[in-house]
Amino acid sequence: MVHPMHRHVVDMVHKATELMDSLLRARIDLDEYSKQLGLLDADQLLDQYREDFRNDVSLVYYLDALMLLSSLQHELDFQVAEYGANTALEDMRNLQELMAKFPHT
């Protein structure tokens, strides 16, 4: 049985990778990317499942994905200034690798 957060995190990661792909293909600009990424609200899920993360080591990949998304949301301006918009490609790869480690339903 998968954890109740599974579907929420999977949906959030799919949306984030779609946004990253759109940014990299110049379908959306950086402002729209930032706005849409901010709507995902990874912090809410991190807070909601804080105790579950502390008590169940099998949730580590969900935690990693949410922390990556949270970091992107809070540090996007710095990352883009430091590494350019192509940083989204590495972030997308990281999220896809984490998704592959989620339980399959």
PDB file of N, CA and C in Angstrom:
ATOM      1  N   MET A   1       0.842  -1.189   0.000  1.00  0.00           N
ATOM      2  CA  MET A   1       0.000   0.000   0.000  1.00  0.00           C
ATOM      3  C   MET A   1       0.886   1.250   0.000  1.00  0.00           C
ATOM      4  N   VAL A   2       0.538   2.190  -0.824  1.00  0.00           N
ATOM      5  CA  VAL A   2       1.321   3.417  -0.900  1.00  0.00           C
ATOM      6  C   VAL A   2       0.806   4.431   0.116  1.00  0.00           C
ATOM      7  N   HIS A   3       1.668   5.330   0.460  1.00  0.00           N
ATOM      8  CA  HIS A   3       1.349   6.379   1.434  1.00  0.00           C
ATOM      9  C   HIS A   3       0.314   7.336   0.843  1.00  0.00           C
ATOM     10  N   PRO A   4      -0.543   7.906   1.701  1.00  0.00           N
ATOM     11  CA  PRO A   4      -1.569   8.852   1.218  1.00  0.00           C
ATOM     12  C   PRO A   4      -1.015  10.054   0.448  1.00  0.00           C
ATOM     13  N   MET A   5       0.230  10.434   0.690  1.00  0.00           N
ATOM     14  CA  MET A   5       0.790  11.586  -0.018  1.00  0.00           C
ATOM     15  C   MET A   5       1.248  11.236  -1.427  1.00  0.00           C
ATOM     16  N   HIS A   6       1.328   9.956  -1.740  1.00  0.00           N
ATOM     17  CA  HIS A   6       1.900   9.506  -3.012  1.00  0.00           C
ATOM     18  C   HIS A   6       1.329  10.258  -4.214  1.00  0.00           C
ATOM     19  N   ARG A   7       0.028  10.237  -4.372  1.00  0.00           N
ATOM     20  CA  ARG A   7      -0.593  10.866  -5.538  1.00  0.00           C
ATOM     21  C   ARG A   7      -0.296  12.366  -5.582  1.00  0.00           C
ATOM     22  N   HIS A   8      -0.317  13.034  -4.425  1.00  0.00           N
ATOM     23  CA  HIS A   8      -0.045  14.477  -4.382  1.00  0.00           C
ATOM     24  C   HIS A   8       1.382  14.778  -4.849  1.00  0.00           C
ATOM     25  N   VAL A   9       2.322  13.996  -4.349  1.00  0.00           N
ATOM     26  CA  VAL A   9       3.718  14.239  -4.710  1.00  0.00           C
ATOM     27  C   VAL A   9       3.954  13.899  -6.182  1.00  0.00           C
ATOM     28  N   VAL A  10       3.415  12.792  -6.638  1.00  0.00           N
ATOM     29  CA  VAL A  10       3.565  12.411  -8.042  1.00  0.00           C
ATOM     30  C   VAL A  10       2.994  13.505  -8.948  1.00  0.00           C
ATOM     31  N   ASP A  11       1.806  13.975  -8.638  1.00  0.00           N
ATOM     32  CA  ASP A  11       1.198  15.043  -9.443  1.00  0.00           C
ATOM     33  C   ASP A  11       2.056  16.301  -9.426  1.00  0.00           C
ATOM     34  N   MET A  12       2.593  16.645  -8.271  1.00  0.00           N
ATOM     35  CA  MET A  12       3.413  17.845  -8.140  1.00  0.00           C
ATOM     36  C   MET A  12       4.703  17.707  -8.956  1.00  0.00           C
ATOM     37  N   VAL A  13       5.327  16.555  -8.892  1.00  0.00           N
ATOM     38  CA  VAL A  13       6.562  16.333  -9.643  1.00  0.00           C
ATOM     39  C   VAL A  13       6.283  16.352 -11.147  1.00  0.00           C
ATOM     40  N   HIS A  14       5.185  15.737 -11.565  1.00  0.00           N
ATOM     41  CA  HIS A  14       4.824  15.784 -12.990  1.00  0.00           C
ATOM     42  C   HIS A  14       4.619  17.224 -13.449  1.00  0.00           C
ATOM     43  N   LYS A  15       3.904  17.994 -12.673  1.00  0.00           N
ATOM     44  CA  LYS A  15       3.650  19.388 -13.042  1.00  0.00           C
ATOM     45  C   LYS A  15       4.966  20.173 -13.104  1.00  0.00           C
ATOM     46  N   ALA A  16       5.831  19.951 -12.118  1.00  0.00           N
ATOM     47  CA  ALA A  16       7.111  20.663 -12.090  1.00  0.00           C
ATOM     48  C   ALA A  16       7.969  20.295 -13.300  1.00  0.00           C
ATOM     49  N   THR A  17       8.024  19.017 -13.650  1.00  0.00           N
ATOM     50  CA  THR A  17       8.837  18.628 -14.802  1.00  0.00           C
ATOM     51  C   THR A  17       8.236  19.152 -16.107  1.00  0.00           C
ATOM     52  N   GLU A  18       6.925  19.227 -16.181  1.00  0.00           N
ATOM     53  CA  GLU A  18       6.290  19.829 -17.361  1.00  0.00           C
ATOM     54  C   GLU A  18       6.661  21.310 -17.462  1.00  0.00           C
ATOM     55  N   LEU A  19       6.664  21.997 -16.324  1.00  0.00           N
ATOM     56  CA  LEU A  19       7.053  23.408 -16.321  1.00  0.00           C
ATOM     57  C   LEU A  19       8.510  23.581 -16.749  1.00  0.00           C
ATOM     58  N   MET A  20       9.373  22.720 -16.234  1.00  0.00           N
ATOM     59  CA  MET A  20      10.792  22.794 -16.594  1.00  0.00           C
ATOM     60  C   MET A  20      10.987  22.554 -18.080  1.00  0.00           C
ATOM     61  N   ASP A  21      10.279  21.575 -18.606  1.00  0.00           N
ATOM     62  CA  ASP A  21      10.355  21.283 -20.035  1.00  0.00           C
ATOM     63  C   ASP A  21       9.867  22.482 -20.843  1.00  0.00           C
ATOM     64  N   SER A  22       8.778  23.087 -20.413  1.00  0.00           N
ATOM     65  CA  SER A  22       8.249  24.262 -21.116  1.00  0.00           C
ATOM     66  C   SER A  22       9.227  25.423 -21.078  1.00  0.00           C
ATOM     67  N   LEU A  23       9.901  25.616 -19.957  1.00  0.00           N
ATOM     68  CA  LEU A  23      10.899  26.676 -19.851  1.00  0.00           C
ATOM     69  C   LEU A  23      12.064  26.403 -20.797  1.00  0.00           C
ATOM     70  N   LEU A  24      12.552  25.185 -20.787  1.00  0.00           N
ATOM     71  CA  LEU A  24      13.697  24.836 -21.620  1.00  0.00           C
ATOM     72  C   LEU A  24      13.381  24.915 -23.105  1.00  0.00           C
ATOM     73  N   ARG A  25      12.128  24.693 -23.476  1.00  0.00           N
ATOM     74  CA  ARG A  25      11.716  24.770 -24.883  1.00  0.00           C
ATOM     75  C   ARG A  25      11.196  26.158 -25.248  1.00  0.00           C
ATOM     76  N   ALA A  26      11.340  27.109 -24.317  1.00  0.00           N
ATOM     77  CA  ALA A  26      10.935  28.502 -24.523  1.00  0.00           C
ATOM     78  C   ALA A  26       9.440  28.640 -24.796  1.00  0.00           C
ATOM     79  N   ARG A  27       8.647  27.747 -24.232  1.00  0.00           N
ATOM     80  CA  ARG A  27       7.183  27.858 -24.335  1.00  0.00           C
ATOM     81  C   ARG A  27       6.639  28.815 -23.285  1.00  0.00           C
ATOM     82  N   ILE A  28       7.380  28.940 -22.188  1.00  0.00           N
ATOM     83  CA  ILE A  28       7.047  29.924 -21.154  1.00  0.00           C
ATOM     84  C   ILE A  28       8.319  30.666 -20.789  1.00  0.00           C
ATOM     85  N   ASP A  29       8.159  31.865 -20.264  1.00  0.00           N
ATOM     86  CA  ASP A  29       9.336  32.619 -19.847  1.00  0.00           C
ATOM     87  C   ASP A  29       9.624  32.365 -18.366  1.00  0.00           C
ATOM     88  N   LEU A  30      10.708  32.921 -17.901  1.00  0.00           N
ATOM     89  CA  LEU A  30      11.149  32.683 -16.533  1.00  0.00           C
ATOM     90  C   LEU A  30      10.149  33.195 -15.503  1.00  0.00           C
ATOM     91  N   ASP A  31       9.504  34.313 -15.795  1.00  0.00           N
ATOM     92  CA  ASP A  31       8.505  34.845 -14.861  1.00  0.00           C
ATOM     93  C   ASP A  31       7.320  33.896 -14.712  1.00  0.00           C
ATOM     94  N   GLU A  32       6.843  33.363 -15.826  1.00  0.00           N
ATOM     95  CA  GLU A  32       5.719  32.423 -15.786  1.00  0.00           C
ATOM     96  C   GLU A  32       6.138  31.125 -15.099  1.00  0.00           C
ATOM     97  N   TYR A  33       7.336  30.673 -15.377  1.00  0.00           N
ATOM     98  CA  TYR A  33       7.870  29.468 -14.729  1.00  0.00           C
ATOM     99  C   TYR A  33       7.892  29.648 -13.216  1.00  0.00           C
ATOM    100  N   SER A  34       8.420  30.776 -12.772  1.00  0.00           N
ATOM    101  CA  SER A  34       8.505  31.058 -11.340  1.00  0.00           C
ATOM    102  C   SER A  34       7.120  31.114 -10.708  1.00  0.00           C
ATOM    103  N   LYS A  35       6.203  31.782 -11.387  1.00  0.00           N
ATOM    104  CA  LYS A  35       4.829  31.908 -10.877  1.00  0.00           C
ATOM    105  C   LYS A  35       4.166  30.541 -10.757  1.00  0.00           C
ATOM    106  N   GLN A  36       4.243  29.742 -11.815  1.00  0.00           N
ATOM    107  CA  GLN A  36       3.601  28.425 -11.812  1.00  0.00           C
ATOM    108  C   GLN A  36       4.275  27.470 -10.829  1.00  0.00           C
ATOM    109  N   LEU A  37       5.579  27.533 -10.728  1.00  0.00           N
ATOM    110  CA  LEU A  37       6.312  26.689  -9.778  1.00  0.00           C
ATOM    111  C   LEU A  37       5.899  27.023  -8.346  1.00  0.00           C
ATOM    112  N   GLY A  38       5.706  28.311  -8.081  1.00  0.00           N
ATOM    113  CA  GLY A  38       5.296  28.747  -6.748  1.00  0.00           C
ATOM    114  C   GLY A  38       3.921  28.255  -6.345  1.00  0.00           C
ATOM    115  N   LEU A  39       3.072  27.983  -7.317  1.00  0.00           N
ATOM    116  CA  LEU A  39       1.721  27.500  -7.030  1.00  0.00           C
ATOM    117  C   LEU A  39       1.692  26.048  -6.549  1.00  0.00           C
ATOM    118  N   LEU A  40       2.775  25.318  -6.749  1.00  0.00           N
ATOM    119  CA  LEU A  40       2.798  23.906  -6.383  1.00  0.00           C
ATOM    120  C   LEU A  40       2.792  23.693  -4.869  1.00  0.00           C
ATOM    121  N   ASP A  41       3.376  24.589  -4.115  1.00  0.00           N
ATOM    122  CA  ASP A  41       3.331  24.580  -2.646  1.00  0.00           C
ATOM    123  C   ASP A  41       3.850  23.287  -2.012  1.00  0.00           C
ATOM    124  N   ALA A  42       5.091  22.968  -2.314  1.00  0.00           N
ATOM    125  CA  ALA A  42       5.747  21.807  -1.706  1.00  0.00           C
ATOM    126  C   ALA A  42       5.832  21.951  -0.192  1.00  0.00           C
ATOM    127  N   ASP A  43       5.973  23.176   0.286  1.00  0.00           N
ATOM    128  CA  ASP A  43       6.105  23.391   1.736  1.00  0.00           C
ATOM    129  C   ASP A  43       4.886  22.898   2.509  1.00  0.00           C
ATOM    130  N   GLN A  44       3.722  23.025   1.910  1.00  0.00           N
ATOM    131  CA  GLN A  44       2.503  22.565   2.586  1.00  0.00           C
ATOM    132  C   GLN A  44       2.564  21.060   2.821  1.00  0.00           C
ATOM    133  N   LEU A  45       3.000  20.294   1.818  1.00  0.00           N
ATOM    134  CA  LEU A  45       3.112  18.844   1.988  1.00  0.00           C
ATOM    135  C   LEU A  45       4.238  18.483   2.950  1.00  0.00           C
ATOM    136  N   LEU A  46       5.326  19.233   2.916  1.00  0.00           N
ATOM    137  CA  LEU A  46       6.407  18.988   3.868  1.00  0.00           C
ATOM    138  C   LEU A  46       5.914  19.161   5.299  1.00  0.00           C
ATOM    139  N   ASP A  47       5.134  20.197   5.531  1.00  0.00           N
ATOM    140  CA  ASP A  47       4.575  20.430   6.863  1.00  0.00           C
ATOM    141  C   ASP A  47       3.538  19.378   7.233  1.00  0.00           C
ATOM    142  N   GLN A  48       2.667  19.061   6.298  1.00  0.00           N
ATOM    143  CA  GLN A  48       1.581  18.125   6.560  1.00  0.00           C
ATOM    144  C   GLN A  48       2.092  16.731   6.937  1.00  0.00           C
ATOM    145  N   TYR A  49       3.186  16.303   6.308  1.00  0.00           N
ATOM    146  CA  TYR A  49       3.687  14.948   6.534  1.00  0.00           C
ATOM    147  C   TYR A  49       5.011  14.919   7.306  1.00  0.00           C
ATOM    148  N   ARG A  50       5.300  15.984   8.021  1.00  0.00           N
ATOM    149  CA  ARG A  50       6.551  16.103   8.778  1.00  0.00           C
ATOM    150  C   ARG A  50       6.794  14.896   9.689  1.00  0.00           C
ATOM    151  N   GLU A  51       5.802  14.515  10.461  1.00  0.00           N
ATOM    152  CA  GLU A  51       5.963  13.383  11.385  1.00  0.00           C
ATOM    153  C   GLU A  51       6.151  12.069  10.637  1.00  0.00           C
ATOM    154  N   ASP A  52       5.463  11.902   9.535  1.00  0.00           N
ATOM    155  CA  ASP A  52       5.617  10.683   8.739  1.00  0.00           C
ATOM    156  C   ASP A  52       7.054  10.565   8.228  1.00  0.00           C
ATOM    157  N   PHE A  53       7.629  11.679   7.779  1.00  0.00           N
ATOM    158  CA  PHE A  53       9.012  11.661   7.304  1.00  0.00           C
ATOM    159  C   PHE A  53       9.969  11.290   8.433  1.00  0.00           C
ATOM    160  N   ARG A  54       9.691  11.765   9.623  1.00  0.00           N
ATOM    161  CA  ARG A  54      10.554  11.465  10.772  1.00  0.00           C
ATOM    162  C   ARG A  54      10.463  10.005  11.192  1.00  0.00           C
ATOM    163  N   ASN A  55       9.308   9.410  10.985  1.00  0.00           N
ATOM    164  CA  ASN A  55       9.063   8.066  11.510  1.00  0.00           C
ATOM    165  C   ASN A  55       9.146   6.941  10.490  1.00  0.00           C
ATOM    166  N   ASP A  56       9.260   7.260   9.211  1.00  0.00           N
ATOM    167  CA  ASP A  56       9.240   6.213   8.195  1.00  0.00           C
ATOM    168  C   ASP A  56      10.323   6.484   7.147  1.00  0.00           C
ATOM    169  N   VAL A  57      11.412   5.778   7.270  1.00  0.00           N
ATOM    170  CA  VAL A  57      12.553   5.976   6.371  1.00  0.00           C
ATOM    171  C   VAL A  57      12.213   5.635   4.922  1.00  0.00           C
ATOM    172  N   SER A  58      11.191   4.843   4.692  1.00  0.00           N
ATOM    173  CA  SER A  58      10.821   4.477   3.319  1.00  0.00           C
ATOM    174  C   SER A  58      10.265   5.667   2.538  1.00  0.00           C
ATOM    175  N   LEU A  59       9.991   6.763   3.203  1.00  0.00           N
ATOM    176  CA  LEU A  59       9.449   7.962   2.547  1.00  0.00           C
ATOM    177  C   LEU A  59      10.543   8.928   2.090  1.00  0.00           C
ATOM    178  N   VAL A  60      11.793   8.510   2.182  1.00  0.00           N
ATOM    179  CA  VAL A  60      12.913   9.411   1.906  1.00  0.00           C
ATOM    180  C   VAL A  60      12.867   9.998   0.497  1.00  0.00           C
ATOM    181  N   TYR A  61      12.418   9.242  -0.498  1.00  0.00           N
ATOM    182  CA  TYR A  61      12.405   9.775  -1.864  1.00  0.00           C
ATOM    183  C   TYR A  61      11.318  10.830  -2.053  1.00  0.00           C
ATOM    184  N   TYR A  62      10.217  10.667  -1.363  1.00  0.00           N
ATOM    185  CA  TYR A  62       9.186  11.708  -1.367  1.00  0.00           C
ATOM    186  C   TYR A  62       9.743  12.978  -0.717  1.00  0.00           C
ATOM    187  N   LEU A  63      10.403  12.787   0.412  1.00  0.00           N
ATOM    188  CA  LEU A  63      10.996  13.920   1.120  1.00  0.00           C
ATOM    189  C   LEU A  63      12.008  14.635   0.225  1.00  0.00           C
ATOM    190  N   ASP A  64      12.869  13.873  -0.420  1.00  0.00           N
ATOM    191  CA  ASP A  64      13.871  14.476  -1.306  1.00  0.00           C
ATOM    192  C   ASP A  64      13.226  15.277  -2.431  1.00  0.00           C
ATOM    193  N   ALA A  65      12.191  14.723  -3.035  1.00  0.00           N
ATOM    194  CA  ALA A  65      11.514  15.420  -4.135  1.00  0.00           C
ATOM    195  C   ALA A  65      10.868  16.716  -3.645  1.00  0.00           C
ATOM    196  N   LEU A  66      10.193  16.646  -2.504  1.00  0.00           N
ATOM    197  CA  LEU A  66       9.543  17.848  -1.968  1.00  0.00           C
ATOM    198  C   LEU A  66      10.564  18.891  -1.539  1.00  0.00           C
ATOM    199  N   MET A  67      11.677  18.447  -0.978  1.00  0.00           N
ATOM    200  CA  MET A  67      12.716  19.401  -0.578  1.00  0.00           C
ATOM    201  C   MET A  67      13.352  20.058  -1.798  1.00  0.00           C
ATOM    202  N   LEU A  68      13.539  19.303  -2.862  1.00  0.00           N
ATOM    203  CA  LEU A  68      14.072  19.881  -4.090  1.00  0.00           C
ATOM    204  C   LEU A  68      13.111  20.928  -4.652  1.00  0.00           C
ATOM    205  N   LEU A  69      11.836  20.596  -4.683  1.00  0.00           N
ATOM    206  CA  LEU A  69      10.843  21.556  -5.175  1.00  0.00           C
ATOM    207  C   LEU A  69      10.768  22.793  -4.291  1.00  0.00           C
ATOM    208  N   SER A  70      10.810  22.599  -2.994  1.00  0.00           N
ATOM    209  CA  SER A  70      10.787  23.726  -2.068  1.00  0.00           C
ATOM    210  C   SER A  70      12.000  24.626  -2.283  1.00  0.00           C
ATOM    211  N   SER A  71      13.155  24.002  -2.431  1.00  0.00           N
ATOM    212  CA  SER A  71      14.379  24.762  -2.676  1.00  0.00           C
ATOM    213  C   SER A  71      14.279  25.559  -3.969  1.00  0.00           C
ATOM    214  N   LEU A  72      13.734  24.939  -5.002  1.00  0.00           N
ATOM    215  CA  LEU A  72      13.548  25.647  -6.270  1.00  0.00           C
ATOM    216  C   LEU A  72      12.637  26.851  -6.101  1.00  0.00           C
ATOM    217  N   GLN A  73      11.563  26.655  -5.356  1.00  0.00           N
ATOM    218  CA  GLN A  73      10.609  27.738  -5.162  1.00  0.00           C
ATOM    219  C   GLN A  73      11.230  28.910  -4.414  1.00  0.00           C
ATOM    220  N   HIS A  74      12.077  28.613  -3.444  1.00  0.00           N
ATOM    221  CA  HIS A  74      12.630  29.673  -2.598  1.00  0.00           C
ATOM    222  C   HIS A  74      13.931  30.264  -3.128  1.00  0.00           C
ATOM    223  N   GLU A  75      14.631  29.538  -3.973  1.00  0.00           N
ATOM    224  CA  GLU A  75      15.952  29.985  -4.419  1.00  0.00           C
ATOM    225  C   GLU A  75      16.057  30.109  -5.932  1.00  0.00           C
ATOM    226  N   LEU A  76      14.932  30.188  -6.607  1.00  0.00           N
ATOM    227  CA  LEU A  76      14.942  30.216  -8.067  1.00  0.00           C
ATOM    228  C   LEU A  76      15.755  31.390  -8.611  1.00  0.00           C
ATOM    229  N   ASP A  77      15.566  32.567  -8.059  1.00  0.00           N
ATOM    230  CA  ASP A  77      16.290  33.740  -8.562  1.00  0.00           C
ATOM    231  C   ASP A  77      17.799  33.543  -8.442  1.00  0.00           C
ATOM    232  N   PHE A  78      18.237  33.031  -7.301  1.00  0.00           N
ATOM    233  CA  PHE A  78      19.667  32.779  -7.103  1.00  0.00           C
ATOM    234  C   PHE A  78      20.176  31.737  -8.087  1.00  0.00           C
ATOM    235  N   GLN A  79      19.446  30.635  -8.233  1.00  0.00           N
ATOM    236  CA  GLN A  79      19.894  29.557  -9.115  1.00  0.00           C
ATOM    237  C   GLN A  79      19.999  30.025 -10.562  1.00  0.00           C
ATOM    238  N   VAL A  80      19.024  30.780 -11.004  1.00  0.00           N
ATOM    239  CA  VAL A  80      19.049  31.268 -12.381  1.00  0.00           C
ATOM    240  C   VAL A  80      20.189  32.263 -12.565  1.00  0.00           C
ATOM    241  N   ALA A  81      20.376  33.164 -11.593  1.00  0.00           N
ATOM    242  CA  ALA A  81      21.466  34.127 -11.694  1.00  0.00           C
ATOM    243  C   ALA A  81      22.823  33.433 -11.691  1.00  0.00           C
ATOM    244  N   GLU A  82      22.947  32.392 -10.875  1.00  0.00           N
ATOM    245  CA  GLU A  82      24.218  31.685 -10.727  1.00  0.00           C
ATOM    246  C   GLU A  82      24.495  30.713 -11.873  1.00  0.00           C
ATOM    247  N   TYR A  83      23.475  29.970 -12.277  1.00  0.00           N
ATOM    248  CA  TYR A  83      23.678  28.874 -13.230  1.00  0.00           C
ATOM    249  C   TYR A  83      22.932  29.032 -14.548  1.00  0.00           C
ATOM    250  N   GLY A  84      22.037  29.994 -14.637  1.00  0.00           N
ATOM    251  CA  GLY A  84      21.244  30.186 -15.848  1.00  0.00           C
ATOM    252  C   GLY A  84      20.002  29.307 -15.841  1.00  0.00           C
ATOM    253  N   ALA A  85      19.129  29.552 -16.781  1.00  0.00           N
ATOM    254  CA  ALA A  85      17.859  28.820 -16.847  1.00  0.00           C
ATOM    255  C   ALA A  85      18.069  27.344 -17.132  1.00  0.00           C
ATOM    256  N   ASN A  86      19.225  26.974 -17.685  1.00  0.00           N
ATOM    257  CA  ASN A  86      19.479  25.565 -17.973  1.00  0.00           C
ATOM    258  C   ASN A  86      19.597  24.711 -16.717  1.00  0.00           C
ATOM    259  N   THR A  87      19.655  25.342 -15.561  1.00  0.00           N
ATOM    260  CA  THR A  87      19.640  24.580 -14.319  1.00  0.00           C
ATOM    261  C   THR A  87      18.371  23.736 -14.221  1.00  0.00           C
ATOM    262  N   ALA A  88      17.327  24.144 -14.923  1.00  0.00           N
ATOM    263  CA  ALA A  88      16.068  23.387 -14.921  1.00  0.00           C
ATOM    264  C   ALA A  88      16.259  21.985 -15.489  1.00  0.00           C
ATOM    265  N   LEU A  89      17.185  21.808 -16.406  1.00  0.00           N
ATOM    266  CA  LEU A  89      17.428  20.482 -16.977  1.00  0.00           C
ATOM    267  C   LEU A  89      17.942  19.519 -15.910  1.00  0.00           C
ATOM    268  N   GLU A  90      18.882  19.964 -15.123  1.00  0.00           N
ATOM    269  CA  GLU A  90      19.406  19.117 -14.035  1.00  0.00           C
ATOM    270  C   GLU A  90      18.339  18.853 -12.982  1.00  0.00           C
ATOM    271  N   ASP A  91      17.567  19.868 -12.659  1.00  0.00           N
ATOM    272  CA  ASP A  91      16.481  19.684 -11.688  1.00  0.00           C
ATOM    273  C   ASP A  91      15.459  18.675 -12.203  1.00  0.00           C
ATOM    274  N   MET A  92      15.144  18.755 -13.485  1.00  0.00           N
ATOM    275  CA  MET A  92      14.188  17.837 -14.081  1.00  0.00           C
ATOM    276  C   MET A  92      14.722  16.404 -14.027  1.00  0.00           C
ATOM    277  N   ARG A  93      15.982  16.230 -14.322  1.00  0.00           N
ATOM    278  CA  ARG A  93      16.590  14.896 -14.245  1.00  0.00           C
ATOM    279  C   ARG A  93      16.550  14.358 -12.814  1.00  0.00           C
ATOM    280  N   ASN A  94      16.868  15.205 -11.856  1.00  0.00           N
ATOM    281  CA  ASN A  94      16.846  14.778 -10.455  1.00  0.00           C
ATOM    282  C   ASN A  94      15.442  14.336 -10.039  1.00  0.00           C
ATOM    283  N   LEU A  95      14.445  15.107 -10.421  1.00  0.00           N
ATOM    284  CA  LEU A  95      13.069  14.745 -10.073  1.00  0.00           C
ATOM    285  C   LEU A  95      12.647  13.446 -10.743  1.00  0.00           C
ATOM    286  N   GLN A  96      13.047  13.256 -11.986  1.00  0.00           N
ATOM    287  CA  GLN A  96      12.696  12.020 -12.680  1.00  0.00           C
ATOM    288  C   GLN A  96      13.368  10.807 -12.034  1.00  0.00           C
ATOM    289  N   GLU A  97      14.610  10.973 -11.589  1.00  0.00           N
ATOM    290  CA  GLU A  97      15.302   9.888 -10.895  1.00  0.00           C
ATOM    291  C   GLU A  97      14.601   9.541  -9.582  1.00  0.00           C
ATOM    292  N   LEU A  98      14.166  10.554  -8.863  1.00  0.00           N
ATOM    293  CA  LEU A  98      13.444  10.309  -7.619  1.00  0.00           C
ATOM    294  C   LEU A  98      12.111   9.626  -7.883  1.00  0.00           C
ATOM    295  N   MET A  99      11.410  10.084  -8.910  1.00  0.00           N
ATOM    296  CA  MET A  99      10.114   9.463  -9.255  1.00  0.00           C
ATOM    297  C   MET A  99      10.272   7.976  -9.551  1.00  0.00           C
ATOM    298  N   ALA A 100      11.362   7.605 -10.179  1.00  0.00           N
ATOM    299  CA  ALA A 100      11.585   6.196 -10.498  1.00  0.00           C
ATOM    300  C   ALA A 100      11.725   5.347  -9.241  1.00  0.00           C
ATOM    301  N   LYS A 101      12.043   5.987  -8.124  1.00  0.00           N
ATOM    302  CA  LYS A 101      12.212   5.274  -6.858  1.00  0.00           C
ATOM    303  C   LYS A 101      10.938   5.235  -6.018  1.00  0.00           C
ATOM    304  N   PHE A 102       9.928   5.972  -6.431  1.00  0.00           N
ATOM    305  CA  PHE A 102       8.633   5.922  -5.721  1.00  0.00           C
ATOM    306  C   PHE A 102       8.005   4.553  -5.959  1.00  0.00           C
ATOM    307  N   PRO A 103       7.190   4.099  -5.016  1.00  0.00           N
ATOM    308  CA  PRO A 103       6.464   2.840  -5.250  1.00  0.00           C
ATOM    309  C   PRO A 103       5.537   3.000  -6.459  1.00  0.00           C
ATOM    310  N   HIS A 104       5.419   1.948  -7.229  1.00  0.00           N
ATOM    311  CA  HIS A 104       4.536   1.976  -8.408  1.00  0.00           C
ATOM    312  C   HIS A 104       3.156   1.485  -8.001  1.00  0.00           C
ATOM    313  N   THR A 105       2.151   2.208  -8.459  1.00  0.00           N
ATOM    314  CA  THR A 105       0.780   1.842  -8.121  1.00  0.00           C
ATOM    315  C   THR A 105       0.065   1.289  -9.334  1.00  0.00           C
TER     316      THR A 105
END
